[in-house]
C-alpha atoms as a PDB file:
ATOM      1  CA  HIS A   1       7.423  -9.329  35.564  1.00  0.00           C
ATOM      2  CA  GLN A   2       7.974  -8.047  31.987  1.00  0.00           C
ATOM      3  CA  GLY A   3      10.691 -10.589  31.210  1.00  0.00           C
ATOM      4  CA  ARG A   4       8.293 -13.514  31.594  1.00  0.00           C
ATOM      5  CA  ALA A   5       5.789 -11.932  29.232  1.00  0.00           C
ATOM      6  CA  PHE A   6       8.458 -11.329  26.580  1.00  0.00           C
ATOM      7  CA  ARG A   7       9.813 -14.855  27.020  1.00  0.00           C
ATOM      8  CA  GLN A   8       6.354 -16.298  26.379  1.00  0.00           C
ATOM      9  CA  ILE A   9       5.938 -14.169  23.258  1.00  0.00           C
ATOM     10  CA  ALA A  10       9.401 -15.226  22.038  1.00  0.00           C
ATOM     11  CA  LEU A  11       8.543 -18.899  22.560  1.00  0.00           C
ATOM     12  CA  GLU A  12       5.270 -18.477  20.646  1.00  0.00           C
ATOM     13  CA  PHE A  13       7.119 -16.692  17.838  1.00  0.00           C
ATOM     14  CA  ARG A  14       9.741 -19.454  17.663  1.00  0.00           C
ATOM     15  CA  GLU A  15       6.983 -22.089  17.445  1.00  0.00           C
ATOM     16  CA  LEU A  16       5.179 -20.140  14.713  1.00  0.00           C
ATOM     17  CA  HIS A  17       8.417 -19.755  12.746  1.00  0.00           C
ATOM     18  CA  HIS A  18       9.078 -23.495  13.079  1.00  0.00           C
ATOM     19  CA  ARG A  19       5.567 -24.345  11.819  1.00  0.00           C
ATOM     20  CA  MET A  20       5.998 -21.949   8.880  1.00  0.00           C
ATOM     21  CA  GLN A  21       9.296 -23.600   7.924  1.00  0.00           C
ATOM     22  CA  ILE A  22       7.652 -27.037   8.054  1.00  0.00           C
ATOM     23  CA  ASN A  23       4.775 -25.882   5.835  1.00  0.00           C
ATOM     24  CA  ILE A  24       7.077 -24.172   3.339  1.00  0.00           C
ATOM     25  CA  GLY A  25       9.152 -27.366   3.209  1.00  0.00           C
ATOM     26  CA  ARG A  26       6.005 -29.413   2.608  1.00  0.00           C
ATOM     27  CA  LEU A  27       4.905 -27.077  -0.199  1.00  0.00           C
ATOM     28  CA  ARG A  28       8.365 -27.306  -1.797  1.00  0.00           C
ATOM     29  CA  ASN A  29       8.219 -31.087  -1.741  1.00  0.00           C
ATOM     30  CA  GLU A  30       4.765 -31.037  -3.314  1.00  0.00           C
ATOM     31  CA  GLY A  31       5.874 -28.599  -6.044  1.00  0.00           C
ATOM     32  CA  LYS A  32       3.071 -26.161  -5.255  1.00  0.00           C
ATOM     33  CA  SER A  33       2.759 -22.523  -6.095  1.00  0.00           C
ATOM     34  CA  ILE A  34       2.273 -19.680  -3.674  1.00  0.00           C
ATOM     35  CA  ARG A  35      -0.401 -17.130  -4.627  1.00  0.00           C
ATOM     36  CA  VAL A  36       0.378 -13.606  -3.483  1.00  0.00           C
ATOM     37  CA  GLY A  37      -2.189 -10.810  -3.617  1.00  0.00           C
ATOM     38  CA  VAL A  38      -0.445  -7.577  -4.543  1.00  0.00           C
ATOM     39  CA  THR A  39      -2.033  -4.145  -4.310  1.00  0.00           C
ATOM     40  CA  MET A  40      -1.869  -2.176  -7.558  1.00  0.00           C
ATOM     41  CA  GLY A  41       1.371  -0.223  -7.825  1.00  0.00           C
ATOM     42  CA  VAL A  42       3.230  -2.251  -5.199  1.00  0.00           C
ATOM     43  CA  LEU A  43       5.124  -4.351  -7.750  1.00  0.00           C
ATOM     44  CA  LEU A  44       6.565  -1.219  -9.328  1.00  0.00           C
ATOM     45  CA  GLU A  45       7.541   0.058  -5.900  1.00  0.00           C
ATOM     46  CA  MET A  46       9.150  -3.255  -4.878  1.00  0.00           C
ATOM     47  CA  GLY A  47      11.419  -3.282  -7.864  1.00  0.00           C
ATOM     48  CA  HIS A  48      12.766  -6.171  -9.893  1.00  0.00           C
ATOM     49  CA  GLY A  49      15.502  -7.091  -7.381  1.00  0.00           C
ATOM     50  CA  ALA A  50      13.127  -7.536  -4.442  1.00  0.00           C
ATOM     51  CA  LEU A  51      10.762  -9.611  -6.550  1.00  0.00           C
ATOM     52  CA  ASN A  52      13.589 -11.873  -7.725  1.00  0.00           C
ATOM     53  CA  SER A  53      14.789 -12.223  -4.137  1.00  0.00           C
ATOM     54  CA  LEU A  54      11.305 -13.326  -3.066  1.00  0.00           C
ATOM     55  CA  ARG A  55      11.159 -15.835  -5.938  1.00  0.00           C
ATOM     56  CA  GLU A  56      14.586 -17.236  -5.014  1.00  0.00           C
ATOM     57  CA  SER A  57      13.713 -17.566  -1.330  1.00  0.00           C
ATOM     58  CA  LEU A  58      10.622 -19.614  -2.223  1.00  0.00           C
ATOM     59  CA  SER A  59      12.308 -21.756  -4.885  1.00  0.00           C
ATOM     60  CA  PRO A  60      11.388 -24.345  -6.151  1.00  0.00           C
ATOM     61  CA  LEU A  61       7.863 -23.096  -5.457  1.00  0.00           C
ATOM     62  CA  THR A  62       6.213 -21.083  -8.192  1.00  0.00           C
ATOM     63  CA  LEU A  63       5.292 -17.536  -7.248  1.00  0.00           C
ATOM     64  CA  GLU A  64       1.930 -16.452  -8.663  1.00  0.00           C
ATOM     65  CA  LEU A  65       1.262 -12.715  -8.307  1.00  0.00           C
ATOM     66  CA  VAL A  66      -2.325 -11.459  -8.435  1.00  0.00           C
ATOM     67  CA  ASP A  67      -2.876  -7.688  -8.929  1.00  0.00           C
ATOM     68  CA  MET A  68      -5.680  -6.355  -6.727  1.00  0.00           C
ATOM     69  CA  MET A  69      -7.038  -3.184  -5.202  1.00  0.00           C
ATOM     70  CA  ASP A  70      -6.299  -2.477  -1.515  1.00  0.00           C
ATOM     71  CA  TYR A  71      -9.462  -3.824   0.096  1.00  0.00           C
ATOM     72  CA  THR A  72      -9.811  -6.670  -2.405  1.00  0.00           C
ATOM     73  CA  CYS A  73      -6.366  -7.888  -1.378  1.00  0.00           C
ATOM     74  CA  GLU A  74      -7.371  -7.922   2.288  1.00  0.00           C
ATOM     75  CA  ARG A  75     -10.544  -9.891   1.521  1.00  0.00           C
ATOM     76  CA  ALA A  76      -8.560 -12.361  -0.602  1.00  0.00           C
ATOM     77  CA  VAL A  77      -6.172 -13.017   2.305  1.00  0.00           C
ATOM     78  CA  GLU A  78      -9.063 -13.449   4.743  1.00  0.00           C
ATOM     79  CA  ASN A  79     -10.890 -15.826   2.396  1.00  0.00           C
ATOM     80  CA  ALA A  80      -7.705 -17.840   1.664  1.00  0.00           C
ATOM     81  CA  GLU A  81      -7.921 -16.979  -2.045  1.00  0.00           C
ATOM     82  CA  VAL A  82      -4.228 -16.021  -1.788  1.00  0.00           C
ATOM     83  CA  ASP A  83      -1.550 -17.306   0.594  1.00  0.00           C
ATOM     84  CA  PHE A  84      -0.529 -13.810   1.683  1.00  0.00           C
ATOM     85  CA  GLY A  85      -0.807 -10.214   0.533  1.00  0.00           C
ATOM     86  CA  ILE A  86       1.469  -7.276  -0.060  1.00  0.00           C
ATOM     87  CA  THR A  87      -0.689  -4.210   0.420  1.00  0.00           C
ATOM     88  CA  VAL A  88      -0.970  -0.692   1.770  1.00  0.00           C
ATOM     89  CA  ALA A  89      -1.353   0.322   5.421  1.00  0.00           C
ATOM     90  CA  PRO A  90      -3.251   0.747   7.598  1.00  0.00           C
ATOM     91  CA  LEU A  91      -4.311  -2.809   8.380  1.00  0.00           C
ATOM     92  CA  ASP A  92      -6.550  -4.036  11.163  1.00  0.00           C
ATOM     93  CA  PRO A  93      -4.128  -5.659  13.660  1.00  0.00           C
ATOM     94  CA  VAL A  94      -6.913  -7.928  14.923  1.00  0.00           C
ATOM     95  CA  ARG A  95      -7.490  -9.383  11.450  1.00  0.00           C
ATOM     96  CA  PHE A  96      -3.944  -9.347  10.047  1.00  0.00           C
ATOM     97  CA  PHE A  97      -0.330  -9.854  11.017  1.00  0.00           C
ATOM     98  CA  GLU A  98       1.755  -7.257   9.224  1.00  0.00           C
ATOM     99  CA  VAL A  99       5.400  -6.659   8.479  1.00  0.00           C
ATOM    100  CA  PRO A 100       6.070  -3.115   7.223  1.00  0.00           C
ATOM    101  CA  LEU A 101       8.247  -3.156   4.117  1.00  0.00           C
ATOM    102  CA  LYS A 102       8.402   0.489   3.113  1.00  0.00           C
ATOM    103  CA  ARG A 103       6.999   3.940   3.863  1.00  0.00           C
ATOM    104  CA  ARG A 104       6.023   6.321   1.099  1.00  0.00           C
ATOM    105  CA  SER A 105       5.250   9.992   0.970  1.00  0.00           C
ATOM    106  CA  ILE A 106       1.986  11.431  -0.246  1.00  0.00           C
ATOM    107  CA  TYR A 107       2.327  14.056  -2.955  1.00  0.00           C
ATOM    108  CA  ALA A 108       0.245  17.083  -3.834  1.00  0.00           C
ATOM    109  CA  VAL A 109       0.518  17.501  -7.599  1.00  0.00           C
ATOM    110  CA  VAL A 110       0.039  21.021  -8.951  1.00  0.00           C
ATOM    111  CA  PRO A 111       0.926  22.832 -12.174  1.00  0.00           C
ATOM    112  CA  GLN A 112       4.061  24.968 -12.008  1.00  0.00           C
ATOM    113  CA  GLU A 113       1.967  28.159 -12.058  1.00  0.00           C
ATOM    114  CA  HIS A 114       0.152  27.204  -8.840  1.00  0.00           C
ATOM    115  CA  PRO A 115       1.357  29.045  -5.689  1.00  0.00           C
ATOM    116  CA  LEU A 116       1.923  25.700  -3.871  1.00  0.00           C
ATOM    117  CA  ALA A 117       4.441  24.669  -6.557  1.00  0.00           C
ATOM    118  CA  GLU A 118       7.017  26.920  -4.888  1.00  0.00           C
ATOM    119  CA  LYS A 119       6.817  25.024  -1.585  1.00  0.00           C
ATOM    120  CA  ASN A 120       9.051  22.067  -0.743  1.00  0.00           C
ATOM    121  CA  GLN A 121       6.459  20.732   1.682  1.00  0.00           C
ATOM    122  CA  VAL A 122       2.712  21.319   1.794  1.00  0.00           C
ATOM    123  CA  THR A 123       0.617  21.244   4.967  1.00  0.00           C
ATOM    124  CA  PHE A 124      -3.070  20.443   5.275  1.00  0.00           C
ATOM    125  CA  ALA A 125      -3.625  24.089   6.179  1.00  0.00           C
ATOM    126  CA  ASP A 126      -2.216  24.946   2.719  1.00  0.00           C
ATOM    127  CA  LEU A 127      -4.772  22.613   1.123  1.00  0.00           C
ATOM    128  CA  ARG A 128      -7.857  24.115   2.778  1.00  0.00           C
ATOM    129  CA  GLY A 129     -10.211  25.579   0.151  1.00  0.00           C
ATOM    130  CA  GLU A 130      -8.607  23.713  -2.766  1.00  0.00           C
ATOM    131  CA  SER A 131     -10.222  21.121  -5.065  1.00  0.00           C
ATOM    132  CA  PHE A 132      -8.781  17.635  -5.447  1.00  0.00           C
ATOM    133  CA  ILE A 133      -8.346  14.726  -7.837  1.00  0.00           C
ATOM    134  CA  LEU A 134      -7.430  11.434  -6.216  1.00  0.00           C
ATOM    135  CA  ALA A 135      -7.689   7.663  -6.365  1.00  0.00           C
ATOM    136  CA  ASN A 136     -11.216   6.337  -5.875  1.00  0.00           C
ATOM    137  CA  ASN A 137     -12.660   4.826  -2.709  1.00  0.00           C
ATOM    138  CA  ASN A 138     -11.299   1.347  -3.509  1.00  0.00           C
ATOM    139  CA  PHE A 139      -7.914   2.681  -2.416  1.00  0.00           C
ATOM    140  CA  LYS A 140      -6.830   3.480   1.126  1.00  0.00           C
ATOM    141  CA  ILE A 141      -5.269   6.796   0.129  1.00  0.00           C
ATOM    142  CA  TYR A 142      -8.769   8.107  -0.613  1.00  0.00           C
ATOM    143  CA  HIS A 143     -10.023   7.360   2.902  1.00  0.00           C
ATOM    144  CA  SER A 144      -6.773   8.411   4.583  1.00  0.00           C
ATOM    145  CA  PHE A 145      -6.769  11.757   2.777  1.00  0.00           C
ATOM    146  CA  LEU A 146     -10.391  12.497   3.688  1.00  0.00           C
ATOM    147  CA  GLU A 147      -9.734  11.574   7.334  1.00  0.00           C
ATOM    148  CA  LYS A 148      -6.632  13.806   7.479  1.00  0.00           C
ATOM    149  CA  CYS A 149      -8.547  16.735   5.990  1.00  0.00           C
ATOM    150  CA  GLU A 150     -11.367  16.284   8.514  1.00  0.00           C
ATOM    151  CA  ALA A 151      -8.821  16.009  11.351  1.00  0.00           C
ATOM    152  CA  ASN A 152      -7.420  19.343  10.142  1.00  0.00           C
ATOM    153  CA  GLY A 153     -10.832  21.000  10.272  1.00  0.00           C
ATOM    154  CA  PHE A 154     -12.142  20.917   6.714  1.00  0.00           C
ATOM    155  CA  GLN A 155     -14.093  18.801   4.242  1.00  0.00           C
ATOM    156  CA  PRO A 156     -12.132  18.408   0.999  1.00  0.00           C
ATOM    157  CA  ASN A 157     -13.761  19.326  -2.301  1.00  0.00           C
ATOM    158  CA  VAL A 158     -13.136  16.172  -4.350  1.00  0.00           C
ATOM    159  CA  LEU A 159     -13.668  17.039  -8.010  1.00  0.00           C
ATOM    160  CA  ALA A 160     -12.868  13.607  -9.399  1.00  0.00           C
ATOM    161  CA  THR A 161     -11.666  10.148  -8.464  1.00  0.00           C
ATOM    162  CA  THR A 162     -10.038   7.534 -10.638  1.00  0.00           C
ATOM    163  CA  MET A 163      -8.254   4.183 -10.667  1.00  0.00           C
ATOM    164  CA  GLU A 164      -5.508   5.553 -12.901  1.00  0.00           C
ATOM    165  CA  THR A 165      -2.554   7.459 -11.457  1.00  0.00           C
ATOM    166  CA  MET A 166      -1.856   9.144 -14.791  1.00  0.00           C
ATOM    167  CA  VAL A 167      -5.364  10.665 -14.801  1.00  0.00           C
ATOM    168  CA  ILE A 168      -4.521  12.353 -11.498  1.00  0.00           C
ATOM    169  CA  TYR A 169      -1.319  13.825 -12.956  1.00  0.00           C
ATOM    170  CA  THR A 170      -2.786  14.811 -16.301  1.00  0.00           C
ATOM    171  CA  ARG A 171      -5.786  16.628 -14.837  1.00  0.00           C
ATOM    172  CA  SER A 172      -3.649  18.294 -12.163  1.00  0.00           C
ATOM    173  CA  ARG A 173      -1.136  19.508 -14.713  1.00  0.00           C
ATOM    174  CA  GLN A 174      -4.042  20.944 -16.714  1.00  0.00           C
ATOM    175  CA  GLY A 175      -5.053  22.998 -13.666  1.00  0.00           C
ATOM    176  CA  GLN A 176      -8.261  21.047 -12.973  1.00  0.00           C
ATOM    177  CA  GLY A 177      -7.439  20.517  -9.284  1.00  0.00           C
ATOM    178  CA  ILE A 178      -4.698  19.371  -6.943  1.00  0.00           C
ATOM    179  CA  GLY A 179      -3.763  15.754  -7.442  1.00  0.00           C
ATOM    180  CA  ILE A 180      -3.150  13.618  -4.376  1.00  0.00           C
ATOM    181  CA  SER A 181      -1.042  10.511  -4.930  1.00  0.00           C
ATOM    182  CA  SER A 182       1.593   8.284  -3.394  1.00  0.00           C
ATOM    183  CA  ASP A 183       3.048   7.598  -6.828  1.00  0.00           C
ATOM    184  CA  LEU A 184       5.305  10.078  -8.539  1.00  0.00           C
ATOM    185  CA  PRO A 185       5.730   9.119 -12.207  1.00  0.00           C
ATOM    186  CA  PHE A 186       8.264  10.602 -14.562  1.00  0.00           C
ATOM    187  CA  ILE A 187       6.423  13.104 -16.725  1.00  0.00           C
ATOM    188  CA  GLY A 188       8.072  14.982 -19.552  1.00  0.00           C
END
């Protein structure tokens, strides 16, 4: 019966929540800090209010934020170098428990003269035959983009990769290729 299975899961969840509360209480009494691995760019996306809310909820614990790349953050969580991580999906559900916080769009960045600039939404079919500039293979967007292109029947021509979002935008605006990014900075 399904109800019994859900009841067991609910009881396990309640026990886990209780143990977490006990451990957080213990850490508060010991005046410890909590180290949080944060994937590059996530702090900007979270915003100041969400960060302050997290700090307040953990008070009087000190919140120590450690900027990392996507896969480095996962390894740091696994190796207990940080207490938890705030990173980018997808995550391996066998290795990690995840709570989705936000979904973001992926953007194709082109100069205004490019034919795709007139479209409100770009499909992978539109991208076939184009050249790309994107984040390097330390970031999940790189692997996700390549997988999506292959799933849509083509191998993308990656002209350049970088760790810097602004490089993607600058080179794309100069007509050097289509930039692929989940960040959309304000550019004058």
